[in-house]
Amino acid sequence: MQLNGNRFVIIGRAGMDFYPDPPGTRTEEAKQFVACLGGSSANIGVAITRLGGSADLVTCVSDDAIGRFALNELDKYGIGRKHVRSVGGEARNSLAVVETRIEDHQSVIYRNGAADFEMARTDVEAVDYDRYDALITTGTVFAAEPSRSAAFRGFEMAKTAGLHLIFDIDYRPYSWPSADVAAEVYSRAGAMCDVIIGNDVEFGFMAGSYARGLDKARELVAQGAQLVVYKMGEKGAITITRDAEITTGIYRTEALKPTGAGDSFMGGLVMGLAAGLPVREAVLQGSASAAMVVARVGCAPAMPTREELDDFLKHQADPSAA
């Protein structure tokens, strides 16, 4: 499968990440922190713009200093924010405190009264979808109202405009009222999408049983998806299309942290599809991008540039046998 171009509209959150500094420091022992742009959708936007694509974000941020920090960071990375609305009251931007360490890694996420859940139908209806080639979203947008209904409305309008719909399952249990609600909503969203990305645990969750996760991924393709990526951590990924199943390994790296891999994988994959790469090569580009990010501090600032990613791939062996 290929995308028609590299102009993406992304529905989802932008927030702030705090990293205890220097790398390796435990949060409870930290004397100082480094602040970066956070939020899976914003991170995907950075991954895309770093690789030469165009990304506009649709979300809400809090009308305070933290929200303005997120807006400034979006500007820094060249992510369009015409459709990012500031909301007042008690709504607050997401904050993640994330350690740059593998052993006993701790991530603490603050999502109380999350501003991005205030996104409404009017926000997505204001988007000119004809300006884009694909819509990307992550599962978090569906976890609460009015964001859930807004995201589904965005899906409907994007499909009418002929865009490919790309969905990262990104299941975060703490955001949902119940697992049953999440599974039902995710299945509804997945049935509308052309590209679906998730790990073995997430597909197992959607299927109601971890043992049936791969069957669920195959079922989504049988029901209409063009491409599903079933990620298995260190075991690589199985990419399912209507014509074939492709197994790939991972690029070995000296990881500093476990976070950021999924967002960078998404950016590398979709930019590969937009460039006309064969599916297998696009998946490997996503895997390489993920390997680079986990070996660097931060998520958004760790995303590789086009030159860095090309150089990495040039000097790495094919990981298909990993």
C-alpha atoms as a PDB file:
ATOM      1  CA  MET A   1       0.000   0.000   0.000  1.00  0.00           C
ATOM      2  CA  GLN A   2       1.050   3.593  -0.583  1.00  0.00           C
ATOM      3  CA  LEU A   3      -0.142   6.984   0.602  1.00  0.00           C
ATOM      4  CA  ASN A   4      -0.875   9.759  -1.866  1.00  0.00           C
ATOM      5  CA  GLY A   5       1.516  12.216  -0.200  1.00  0.00           C
ATOM      6  CA  ASN A   6       3.077  13.320   3.072  1.00  0.00           C
ATOM      7  CA  ARG A   7       0.566  15.918   4.297  1.00  0.00           C
ATOM      8  CA  PHE A   8      -0.892  14.629   7.567  1.00  0.00           C
ATOM      9  CA  VAL A   9      -3.593  15.895   9.891  1.00  0.00           C
ATOM     10  CA  ILE A  10      -3.192  14.393  13.372  1.00  0.00           C
ATOM     11  CA  ILE A  11      -5.945  14.263  15.983  1.00  0.00           C
ATOM     12  CA  GLY A  12      -4.683  13.974  19.554  1.00  0.00           C
ATOM     13  CA  ARG A  13      -2.848  15.480  22.437  1.00  0.00           C
ATOM     14  CA  ALA A  14       0.165  17.719  23.012  1.00  0.00           C
ATOM     15  CA  GLY A  15       1.610  17.971  26.491  1.00  0.00           C
ATOM     16  CA  MET A  16       4.775  18.359  28.522  1.00  0.00           C
ATOM     17  CA  ASP A  17       7.358  15.712  29.382  1.00  0.00           C
ATOM     18  CA  PHE A  18       9.709  16.078  32.355  1.00  0.00           C
ATOM     19  CA  TYR A  19      12.961  14.093  32.344  1.00  0.00           C
ATOM     20  CA  PRO A  20      15.071  13.803  35.511  1.00  0.00           C
ATOM     21  CA  ASP A  21      18.532  15.092  34.649  1.00  0.00           C
ATOM     22  CA  PRO A  22      21.197  13.837  34.168  1.00  0.00           C
ATOM     23  CA  PRO A  23      20.098  10.650  32.350  1.00  0.00           C
ATOM     24  CA  GLY A  24      19.896   7.651  34.660  1.00  0.00           C
ATOM     25  CA  THR A  25      18.597   9.691  37.597  1.00  0.00           C
ATOM     26  CA  ARG A  26      15.635   8.282  39.499  1.00  0.00           C
ATOM     27  CA  THR A  27      12.721  10.690  39.774  1.00  0.00           C
ATOM     28  CA  GLU A  28      12.660  10.646  43.574  1.00  0.00           C
ATOM     29  CA  GLU A  29      16.348  11.552  43.661  1.00  0.00           C
ATOM     30  CA  ALA A  30      16.252  14.277  40.989  1.00  0.00           C
ATOM     31  CA  LYS A  31      17.542  17.787  41.628  1.00  0.00           C
ATOM     32  CA  GLN A  32      16.627  19.109  38.188  1.00  0.00           C
ATOM     33  CA  PHE A  33      14.467  18.222  35.190  1.00  0.00           C
ATOM     34  CA  VAL A  34      14.490  18.857  31.445  1.00  0.00           C
ATOM     35  CA  ALA A  35      11.180  19.811  29.812  1.00  0.00           C
ATOM     36  CA  CYS A  36      10.191  18.654  26.318  1.00  0.00           C
ATOM     37  CA  LEU A  37       7.113  18.486  24.134  1.00  0.00           C
ATOM     38  CA  GLY A  38       5.067  15.399  24.974  1.00  0.00           C
ATOM     39  CA  GLY A  39       1.898  13.588  23.978  1.00  0.00           C
ATOM     40  CA  SER A  40       1.792  10.739  21.465  1.00  0.00           C
ATOM     41  CA  SER A  41       0.104  12.689  18.673  1.00  0.00           C
ATOM     42  CA  ALA A  42       2.468  15.641  19.013  1.00  0.00           C
ATOM     43  CA  ASN A  43       5.435  13.256  19.053  1.00  0.00           C
ATOM     44  CA  ILE A  44       4.209  11.611  15.854  1.00  0.00           C
ATOM     45  CA  GLY A  45       3.961  15.067  14.316  1.00  0.00           C
ATOM     46  CA  VAL A  46       7.590  15.746  15.220  1.00  0.00           C
ATOM     47  CA  ALA A  47       8.655  12.408  13.733  1.00  0.00           C
ATOM     48  CA  ILE A  48       6.941  13.360  10.477  1.00  0.00           C
ATOM     49  CA  THR A  49       8.257  16.916  10.195  1.00  0.00           C
ATOM     50  CA  ARG A  50      11.803  15.787  11.049  1.00  0.00           C
ATOM     51  CA  LEU A  51      11.606  13.413   8.069  1.00  0.00           C
ATOM     52  CA  GLY A  52      10.423  16.151   5.713  1.00  0.00           C
ATOM     53  CA  GLY A  53       6.661  15.738   5.916  1.00  0.00           C
ATOM     54  CA  SER A  54       3.891  18.141   6.880  1.00  0.00           C
ATOM     55  CA  ALA A  55       1.831  17.720  10.054  1.00  0.00           C
ATOM     56  CA  ASP A  56      -1.039  19.751  11.509  1.00  0.00           C
ATOM     57  CA  LEU A  57      -2.473  18.963  14.941  1.00  0.00           C
ATOM     58  CA  VAL A  58      -6.115  19.059  16.054  1.00  0.00           C
ATOM     59  CA  THR A  59      -6.503  19.161  19.841  1.00  0.00           C
ATOM     60  CA  CYS A  60      -7.072  21.350  22.894  1.00  0.00           C
ATOM     61  CA  VAL A  61      -4.500  22.661  25.357  1.00  0.00           C
ATOM     62  CA  SER A  62      -4.992  24.405  28.674  1.00  0.00           C
ATOM     63  CA  ASP A  63      -5.091  28.202  28.678  1.00  0.00           C
ATOM     64  CA  ASP A  64      -2.124  28.544  31.022  1.00  0.00           C
ATOM     65  CA  ALA A  65       1.666  28.484  31.027  1.00  0.00           C
ATOM     66  CA  ILE A  66       1.874  24.731  30.373  1.00  0.00           C
ATOM     67  CA  GLY A  67      -0.492  24.975  27.433  1.00  0.00           C
ATOM     68  CA  ARG A  68       1.518  27.872  26.026  1.00  0.00           C
ATOM     69  CA  PHE A  69       4.687  25.808  26.462  1.00  0.00           C
ATOM     70  CA  ALA A  70       3.109  23.113  24.273  1.00  0.00           C
ATOM     71  CA  LEU A  71       2.147  25.698  21.648  1.00  0.00           C
ATOM     72  CA  ASN A  72       5.669  27.110  21.581  1.00  0.00           C
ATOM     73  CA  GLU A  73       7.095  23.611  21.156  1.00  0.00           C
ATOM     74  CA  LEU A  74       4.730  22.868  18.264  1.00  0.00           C
ATOM     75  CA  ASP A  75       5.990  26.033  16.582  1.00  0.00           C
ATOM     76  CA  LYS A  76       9.602  24.999  17.191  1.00  0.00           C
ATOM     77  CA  TYR A  77       9.087  21.693  15.400  1.00  0.00           C
ATOM     78  CA  GLY A  78       7.070  23.172  12.544  1.00  0.00           C
ATOM     79  CA  ILE A  79       3.770  21.489  13.456  1.00  0.00           C
ATOM     80  CA  GLY A  80       0.717  23.436  12.336  1.00  0.00           C
ATOM     81  CA  ARG A  81      -1.551  24.500  15.199  1.00  0.00           C
ATOM     82  CA  LYS A  82      -4.334  26.413  13.454  1.00  0.00           C
ATOM     83  CA  HIS A  83      -6.721  23.811  14.887  1.00  0.00           C
ATOM     84  CA  VAL A  84      -5.283  23.730  18.411  1.00  0.00           C
ATOM     85  CA  ARG A  85      -7.740  25.451  20.769  1.00  0.00           C
ATOM     86  CA  SER A  86      -6.937  26.774  24.241  1.00  0.00           C
ATOM     87  CA  VAL A  87      -9.494  25.935  26.938  1.00  0.00           C
ATOM     88  CA  GLY A  88      -9.919  27.546  30.352  1.00  0.00           C
ATOM     89  CA  GLY A  89     -11.549  26.456  33.580  1.00  0.00           C
ATOM     90  CA  GLU A  90     -10.139  23.403  35.354  1.00  0.00           C
ATOM     91  CA  ALA A  91      -8.814  21.684  32.223  1.00  0.00           C
ATOM     92  CA  ARG A  92      -5.100  20.944  32.380  1.00  0.00           C
ATOM     93  CA  ASN A  93      -2.479  19.773  29.921  1.00  0.00           C
ATOM     94  CA  SER A  94      -1.079  16.283  30.258  1.00  0.00           C
ATOM     95  CA  LEU A  95       2.214  15.971  32.121  1.00  0.00           C
ATOM     96  CA  ALA A  96       4.507  12.941  32.017  1.00  0.00           C
ATOM     97  CA  VAL A  97       7.509  12.476  34.301  1.00  0.00           C
ATOM     98  CA  VAL A  98       9.700   9.970  32.475  1.00  0.00           C
ATOM     99  CA  GLU A  99      13.041   8.491  33.493  1.00  0.00           C
ATOM    100  CA  THR A 100      15.915   8.013  31.065  1.00  0.00           C
ATOM    101  CA  ARG A 101      16.762   4.533  32.315  1.00  0.00           C
ATOM    102  CA  ILE A 102      15.898   0.947  31.420  1.00  0.00           C
ATOM    103  CA  GLU A 103      16.330  -0.831  34.741  1.00  0.00           C
ATOM    104  CA  ASP A 104      13.399  -0.170  37.105  1.00  0.00           C
ATOM    105  CA  HIS A 105      12.119   2.489  34.704  1.00  0.00           C
ATOM    106  CA  GLN A 106       9.370   4.728  36.078  1.00  0.00           C
ATOM    107  CA  SER A 107       6.906   6.866  34.131  1.00  0.00           C
ATOM    108  CA  VAL A 108       4.273   8.883  36.001  1.00  0.00           C
ATOM    109  CA  ILE A 109       1.439  10.317  33.910  1.00  0.00           C
ATOM    110  CA  TYR A 110      -0.871  13.128  35.089  1.00  0.00           C
ATOM    111  CA  ARG A 111      -4.160  13.120  33.145  1.00  0.00           C
ATOM    112  CA  ASN A 112      -6.611  14.626  35.647  1.00  0.00           C
ATOM    113  CA  GLY A 113      -9.130  16.805  33.811  1.00  0.00           C
ATOM    114  CA  ALA A 114      -7.093  16.479  30.598  1.00  0.00           C
ATOM    115  CA  ALA A 115      -7.508  19.465  28.285  1.00  0.00           C
ATOM    116  CA  ASP A 116      -7.302  17.341  25.122  1.00  0.00           C
ATOM    117  CA  PHE A 117     -10.512  15.536  26.095  1.00  0.00           C
ATOM    118  CA  GLU A 118     -12.280  18.896  25.613  1.00  0.00           C
ATOM    119  CA  MET A 119     -11.865  18.640  21.824  1.00  0.00           C
ATOM    120  CA  ALA A 120     -15.332  18.969  20.281  1.00  0.00           C
ATOM    121  CA  ARG A 121     -17.053  18.236  16.967  1.00  0.00           C
ATOM    122  CA  THR A 122     -16.704  21.888  15.992  1.00  0.00           C
ATOM    123  CA  ASP A 123     -12.912  21.525  16.228  1.00  0.00           C
ATOM    124  CA  VAL A 124     -12.736  18.678  13.717  1.00  0.00           C
ATOM    125  CA  GLU A 125     -15.461  20.149  11.512  1.00  0.00           C
ATOM    126  CA  ALA A 126     -13.337  23.280  11.019  1.00  0.00           C
ATOM    127  CA  VAL A 127     -10.606  21.261   9.270  1.00  0.00           C
ATOM    128  CA  ASP A 128     -10.268  21.397   5.468  1.00  0.00           C
ATOM    129  CA  TYR A 129      -9.540  17.715   4.903  1.00  0.00           C
ATOM    130  CA  ASP A 130      -8.954  18.234   1.186  1.00  0.00           C
ATOM    131  CA  ARG A 131      -5.589  19.770   2.130  1.00  0.00           C
ATOM    132  CA  TYR A 132      -4.262  16.460   3.476  1.00  0.00           C
ATOM    133  CA  ASP A 133      -3.335  12.989   2.309  1.00  0.00           C
ATOM    134  CA  ALA A 134      -4.022  11.047   5.500  1.00  0.00           C
ATOM    135  CA  LEU A 135      -5.438  11.375   9.013  1.00  0.00           C
ATOM    136  CA  ILE A 136      -3.571   9.891  11.978  1.00  0.00           C
ATOM    137  CA  THR A 137      -4.858   9.394  15.482  1.00  0.00           C
ATOM    138  CA  THR A 138      -3.997   7.410  18.601  1.00  0.00           C
ATOM    139  CA  GLY A 139      -6.416   5.537  20.817  1.00  0.00           C
ATOM    140  CA  THR A 140      -6.348   8.041  23.661  1.00  0.00           C
ATOM    141  CA  VAL A 141      -8.658  10.442  21.804  1.00  0.00           C
ATOM    142  CA  PHE A 142     -11.502   7.920  22.140  1.00  0.00           C
ATOM    143  CA  ALA A 143     -11.239   7.489  25.907  1.00  0.00           C
ATOM    144  CA  ALA A 144     -13.658  10.268  26.946  1.00  0.00           C
ATOM    145  CA  GLU A 145     -16.310  12.657  25.679  1.00  0.00           C
ATOM    146  CA  PRO A 146     -16.555  15.021  23.884  1.00  0.00           C
ATOM    147  CA  SER A 147     -13.219  13.954  22.363  1.00  0.00           C
ATOM    148  CA  ARG A 148     -14.552  10.513  21.367  1.00  0.00           C
ATOM    149  CA  SER A 149     -17.465  11.800  19.332  1.00  0.00           C
ATOM    150  CA  ALA A 150     -15.258  14.492  17.818  1.00  0.00           C
ATOM    151  CA  ALA A 151     -12.676  11.947  16.692  1.00  0.00           C
ATOM    152  CA  PHE A 152     -15.298   9.738  15.065  1.00  0.00           C
ATOM    153  CA  ARG A 153     -16.716  12.806  13.314  1.00  0.00           C
ATOM    154  CA  GLY A 154     -13.213  13.578  12.068  1.00  0.00           C
ATOM    155  CA  PHE A 155     -12.958  10.006  10.743  1.00  0.00           C
ATOM    156  CA  GLU A 156     -16.222  10.425   8.839  1.00  0.00           C
ATOM    157  CA  MET A 157     -15.178  13.720   7.269  1.00  0.00           C
ATOM    158  CA  ALA A 158     -11.714  12.439   6.367  1.00  0.00           C
ATOM    159  CA  LYS A 159     -13.155   9.337   4.678  1.00  0.00           C
ATOM    160  CA  THR A 160     -15.568  11.492   2.709  1.00  0.00           C
ATOM    161  CA  ALA A 161     -12.600  13.573   1.536  1.00  0.00           C
ATOM    162  CA  GLY A 162     -10.775  10.424   0.411  1.00  0.00           C
ATOM    163  CA  LEU A 163      -8.046  10.413   3.071  1.00  0.00           C
ATOM    164  CA  HIS A 164      -6.414   7.267   4.380  1.00  0.00           C
ATOM    165  CA  LEU A 165      -7.188   6.725   8.081  1.00  0.00           C
ATOM    166  CA  ILE A 166      -4.251   5.605  10.227  1.00  0.00           C
ATOM    167  CA  PHE A 167      -4.800   4.405  13.790  1.00  0.00           C
ATOM    168  CA  ASP A 168      -2.283   3.670  16.550  1.00  0.00           C
ATOM    169  CA  ILE A 169      -4.177   1.644  19.188  1.00  0.00           C
ATOM    170  CA  ASP A 170      -2.068   3.112  22.041  1.00  0.00           C
ATOM    171  CA  TYR A 171      -4.201   1.602  24.827  1.00  0.00           C
ATOM    172  CA  ARG A 172      -3.761   3.408  28.165  1.00  0.00           C
ATOM    173  CA  PRO A 173      -6.051   1.731  30.734  1.00  0.00           C
ATOM    174  CA  TYR A 174      -5.939   4.672  33.170  1.00  0.00           C
ATOM    175  CA  SER A 175      -7.738   6.880  30.618  1.00  0.00           C
ATOM    176  CA  TRP A 176     -10.772   4.618  30.190  1.00  0.00           C
ATOM    177  CA  PRO A 177     -13.895   4.060  32.328  1.00  0.00           C
ATOM    178  CA  SER A 178     -13.626   0.297  31.738  1.00  0.00           C
ATOM    179  CA  ALA A 179     -11.836  -2.274  29.594  1.00  0.00           C
ATOM    180  CA  ASP A 180     -15.138  -3.332  28.011  1.00  0.00           C
ATOM    181  CA  VAL A 181     -15.845   0.204  26.806  1.00  0.00           C
ATOM    182  CA  ALA A 182     -12.324   0.515  25.426  1.00  0.00           C
ATOM    183  CA  ALA A 183     -12.519  -2.773  23.512  1.00  0.00           C
ATOM    184  CA  GLU A 184     -15.871  -1.864  21.943  1.00  0.00           C
ATOM    185  CA  VAL A 185     -14.749   1.641  20.924  1.00  0.00           C
ATOM    186  CA  TYR A 186     -11.406   0.430  19.563  1.00  0.00           C
ATOM    187  CA  SER A 187     -13.121  -2.210  17.449  1.00  0.00           C
ATOM    188  CA  ARG A 188     -15.435   0.432  16.028  1.00  0.00           C
ATOM    189  CA  ALA A 189     -12.494   2.708  15.218  1.00  0.00           C
ATOM    190  CA  GLY A 190     -10.406  -0.095  13.752  1.00  0.00           C
ATOM    191  CA  ALA A 191     -13.218  -1.089  11.402  1.00  0.00           C
ATOM    192  CA  MET A 192     -13.038   2.366   9.799  1.00  0.00           C
ATOM    193  CA  CYS A 193      -9.274   2.519   9.287  1.00  0.00           C
ATOM    194  CA  ASP A 194      -6.890   1.672   6.457  1.00  0.00           C
ATOM    195  CA  VAL A 195      -3.745   1.284   8.581  1.00  0.00           C
ATOM    196  CA  ILE A 196      -3.783  -0.026  12.167  1.00  0.00           C
ATOM    197  CA  ILE A 197      -0.707  -0.310  14.385  1.00  0.00           C
ATOM    198  CA  GLY A 198      -0.490  -1.925  17.792  1.00  0.00           C
ATOM    199  CA  ASN A 199       1.454  -4.362  19.913  1.00  0.00           C
ATOM    200  CA  ASP A 200       0.564  -7.943  20.750  1.00  0.00           C
ATOM    201  CA  VAL A 201      -0.944  -6.946  24.103  1.00  0.00           C
ATOM    202  CA  GLU A 202      -3.180  -4.283  22.508  1.00  0.00           C
ATOM    203  CA  PHE A 203      -4.494  -6.591  19.780  1.00  0.00           C
ATOM    204  CA  GLY A 204      -5.033  -9.274  22.414  1.00  0.00           C
ATOM    205  CA  PHE A 205      -6.997  -6.786  24.464  1.00  0.00           C
ATOM    206  CA  MET A 206      -9.193  -5.941  21.452  1.00  0.00           C
ATOM    207  CA  ALA A 207      -9.760  -9.653  20.857  1.00  0.00           C
ATOM    208  CA  GLY A 208     -10.657 -10.351  24.474  1.00  0.00           C
ATOM    209  CA  SER A 209      -7.745 -12.775  24.831  1.00  0.00           C
ATOM    210  CA  TYR A 210      -4.001 -12.330  24.445  1.00  0.00           C
ATOM    211  CA  ALA A 211      -3.808 -15.645  22.578  1.00  0.00           C
ATOM    212  CA  ARG A 212      -6.178 -14.295  19.903  1.00  0.00           C
ATOM    213  CA  GLY A 213      -4.380 -11.015  19.238  1.00  0.00           C
ATOM    214  CA  LEU A 214      -2.841 -12.066  15.930  1.00  0.00           C
ATOM    215  CA  ASP A 215      -6.199 -13.449  14.816  1.00  0.00           C
ATOM    216  CA  LYS A 216      -7.721 -10.043  15.575  1.00  0.00           C
ATOM    217  CA  ALA A 217      -5.072  -8.324  13.447  1.00  0.00           C
ATOM    218  CA  ARG A 218      -5.818 -10.670  10.559  1.00  0.00           C
ATOM    219  CA  GLU A 219      -9.548 -10.172  11.040  1.00  0.00           C
ATOM    220  CA  LEU A 220      -9.167  -6.388  10.676  1.00  0.00           C
ATOM    221  CA  VAL A 221      -7.518  -6.870   7.286  1.00  0.00           C
ATOM    222  CA  ALA A 222     -10.228  -9.323   6.241  1.00  0.00           C
ATOM    223  CA  GLN A 223     -12.811  -6.698   7.207  1.00  0.00           C
ATOM    224  CA  GLY A 224     -11.271  -3.965   5.066  1.00  0.00           C
ATOM    225  CA  ALA A 225      -8.009  -2.593   6.496  1.00  0.00           C
ATOM    226  CA  GLN A 226      -5.203  -2.383   3.943  1.00  0.00           C
ATOM    227  CA  LEU A 227      -2.319  -2.823   6.378  1.00  0.00           C
ATOM    228  CA  VAL A 228      -2.036  -3.939  10.003  1.00  0.00           C
ATOM    229  CA  VAL A 229       1.242  -3.984  11.948  1.00  0.00           C
ATOM    230  CA  TYR A 230       1.300  -6.456  14.846  1.00  0.00           C
ATOM    231  CA  LYS A 231       4.325  -5.486  16.955  1.00  0.00           C
ATOM    232  CA  MET A 232       5.965  -8.001  19.265  1.00  0.00           C
ATOM    233  CA  GLY A 233       8.676  -5.992  21.044  1.00  0.00           C
ATOM    234  CA  GLU A 234      12.094  -7.624  20.736  1.00  0.00           C
ATOM    235  CA  LYS A 235      10.609 -10.312  18.491  1.00  0.00           C
ATOM    236  CA  GLY A 236       9.936  -7.751  15.751  1.00  0.00           C
ATOM    237  CA  ALA A 237       6.649  -7.381  13.905  1.00  0.00           C
ATOM    238  CA  ILE A 238       4.230  -9.170  11.625  1.00  0.00           C
ATOM    239  CA  THR A 239       2.809  -6.857   8.972  1.00  0.00           C
ATOM    240  CA  ILE A 240      -0.421  -8.089   7.421  1.00  0.00           C
ATOM    241  CA  THR A 241      -1.776  -6.910   4.075  1.00  0.00           C
ATOM    242  CA  ARG A 242      -4.465  -8.296   1.803  1.00  0.00           C
ATOM    243  CA  ASP A 243      -1.793 -10.130  -0.174  1.00  0.00           C
ATOM    244  CA  ALA A 244       0.832 -11.268   2.321  1.00  0.00           C
ATOM    245  CA  GLU A 245       2.214 -11.447   5.847  1.00  0.00           C
ATOM    246  CA  ILE A 246       5.687  -9.966   6.311  1.00  0.00           C
ATOM    247  CA  THR A 247       7.848 -10.753   9.333  1.00  0.00           C
ATOM    248  CA  THR A 248      10.616  -8.331  10.298  1.00  0.00           C
ATOM    249  CA  GLY A 249      13.047  -8.097  13.185  1.00  0.00           C
ATOM    250  CA  ILE A 250      14.319  -5.115  15.155  1.00  0.00           C
ATOM    251  CA  TYR A 251      17.487  -3.070  14.937  1.00  0.00           C
ATOM    252  CA  ARG A 252      19.697  -3.681  17.953  1.00  0.00           C
ATOM    253  CA  THR A 253      20.655  -0.572  19.883  1.00  0.00           C
ATOM    254  CA  GLU A 254      21.961   0.562  23.274  1.00  0.00           C
ATOM    255  CA  ALA A 255      18.634   1.734  24.692  1.00  0.00           C
ATOM    256  CA  LEU A 256      18.549   4.478  27.318  1.00  0.00           C
ATOM    257  CA  LYS A 257      14.798   4.227  27.928  1.00  0.00           C
ATOM    258  CA  PRO A 258      11.767   2.239  26.737  1.00  0.00           C
ATOM    259  CA  THR A 259       9.587   5.218  25.721  1.00  0.00           C
ATOM    260  CA  GLY A 260       9.050   6.959  22.391  1.00  0.00           C
ATOM    261  CA  ALA A 261       9.472   3.903  20.180  1.00  0.00           C
ATOM    262  CA  GLY A 262       5.835   3.664  19.092  1.00  0.00           C
ATOM    263  CA  ASP A 263       5.542   7.310  18.066  1.00  0.00           C
ATOM    264  CA  SER A 264       8.803   7.224  16.122  1.00  0.00           C
ATOM    265  CA  PHE A 265       7.817   3.928  14.476  1.00  0.00           C
ATOM    266  CA  MET A 266       4.597   5.527  13.267  1.00  0.00           C
ATOM    267  CA  GLY A 267       6.439   8.529  11.814  1.00  0.00           C
ATOM    268  CA  GLY A 268       8.991   6.399  10.002  1.00  0.00           C
ATOM    269  CA  LEU A 269       6.361   4.000   8.666  1.00  0.00           C
ATOM    270  CA  VAL A 270       3.948   6.576   7.262  1.00  0.00           C
ATOM    271  CA  MET A 271       6.725   8.645   5.729  1.00  0.00           C
ATOM    272  CA  GLY A 272       7.994   5.478   4.063  1.00  0.00           C
ATOM    273  CA  LEU A 273       4.537   4.734   2.673  1.00  0.00           C
ATOM    274  CA  ALA A 274       4.213   8.354   1.530  1.00  0.00           C
ATOM    275  CA  ALA A 275       7.546   8.077  -0.306  1.00  0.00           C
ATOM    276  CA  GLY A 276       6.353   5.008  -2.188  1.00  0.00           C
ATOM    277  CA  LEU A 277       8.538   2.464  -0.389  1.00  0.00           C
ATOM    278  CA  PRO A 278       7.407  -1.169  -0.476  1.00  0.00           C
ATOM    279  CA  VAL A 279       5.574  -2.129   2.704  1.00  0.00           C
ATOM    280  CA  ARG A 280       8.483  -4.119   4.104  1.00  0.00           C
ATOM    281  CA  GLU A 281      10.931  -1.252   3.590  1.00  0.00           C
ATOM    282  CA  ALA A 282       8.505   1.231   5.164  1.00  0.00           C
ATOM    283  CA  VAL A 283       8.165  -1.021   8.231  1.00  0.00           C
ATOM    284  CA  LEU A 284      11.954  -1.294   8.504  1.00  0.00           C
ATOM    285  CA  GLN A 285      12.215   2.499   8.313  1.00  0.00           C
ATOM    286  CA  GLY A 286       9.771   2.699  11.219  1.00  0.00           C
ATOM    287  CA  SER A 287      11.773   0.126  13.160  1.00  0.00           C
ATOM    288  CA  ALA A 288      15.010   2.011  12.563  1.00  0.00           C
ATOM    289  CA  SER A 289      13.451   5.264  13.738  1.00  0.00           C
ATOM    290  CA  ALA A 290      12.212   3.523  16.894  1.00  0.00           C
ATOM    291  CA  ALA A 291      15.683   2.094  17.583  1.00  0.00           C
ATOM    292  CA  MET A 292      17.237   5.533  17.295  1.00  0.00           C
ATOM    293  CA  VAL A 293      14.756   7.218  19.646  1.00  0.00           C
ATOM    294  CA  VAL A 294      15.091   4.769  22.535  1.00  0.00           C
ATOM    295  CA  ALA A 295      18.857   5.355  22.432  1.00  0.00           C
ATOM    296  CA  ARG A 296      18.423   9.110  22.934  1.00  0.00           C
ATOM    297  CA  VAL A 297      17.135  11.388  25.698  1.00  0.00           C
ATOM    298  CA  GLY A 298      13.546  12.555  25.331  1.00  0.00           C
ATOM    299  CA  CYS A 299      10.890  11.651  22.779  1.00  0.00           C
ATOM    300  CA  ALA A 300      10.179  14.688  20.590  1.00  0.00           C
ATOM    301  CA  PRO A 301      13.803  15.940  20.589  1.00  0.00           C
ATOM    302  CA  ALA A 302      15.036  12.372  19.964  1.00  0.00           C
ATOM    303  CA  MET A 303      13.211  11.969  16.641  1.00  0.00           C
ATOM    304  CA  PRO A 304      15.747  11.509  13.832  1.00  0.00           C
ATOM    305  CA  THR A 305      16.124  13.810  10.859  1.00  0.00           C
ATOM    306  CA  ARG A 306      15.979  12.463   7.328  1.00  0.00           C
ATOM    307  CA  GLU A 307      19.762  12.531   7.067  1.00  0.00           C
ATOM    308  CA  GLU A 308      20.258  10.786  10.415  1.00  0.00           C
ATOM    309  CA  LEU A 309      17.779   8.027   9.586  1.00  0.00           C
ATOM    310  CA  ASP A 310      19.242   7.411   6.128  1.00  0.00           C
ATOM    311  CA  ASP A 311      22.731   7.206   7.615  1.00  0.00           C
ATOM    312  CA  PHE A 312      21.552   4.756  10.305  1.00  0.00           C
ATOM    313  CA  LEU A 313      19.927   2.486   7.724  1.00  0.00           C
ATOM    314  CA  LYS A 314      22.987   2.604   5.491  1.00  0.00           C
ATOM    315  CA  HIS A 315      25.204   1.233   8.256  1.00  0.00           C
ATOM    316  CA  GLN A 316      22.833  -1.379   9.703  1.00  0.00           C
ATOM    317  CA  ALA A 317      22.326  -4.980   8.643  1.00  0.00           C
ATOM    318  CA  ASP A 318      18.851  -6.105   7.639  1.00  0.00           C
ATOM    319  CA  PRO A 319      17.145  -7.245  10.864  1.00  0.00           C
ATOM    320  CA  SER A 320      14.653  -9.594   9.222  1.00  0.00           C
ATOM    321  CA  ALA A 321      16.255 -12.645  10.833  1.00  0.00           C
ATOM    322  CA  ALA A 322      16.372 -11.171  14.357  1.00  0.00           C
END
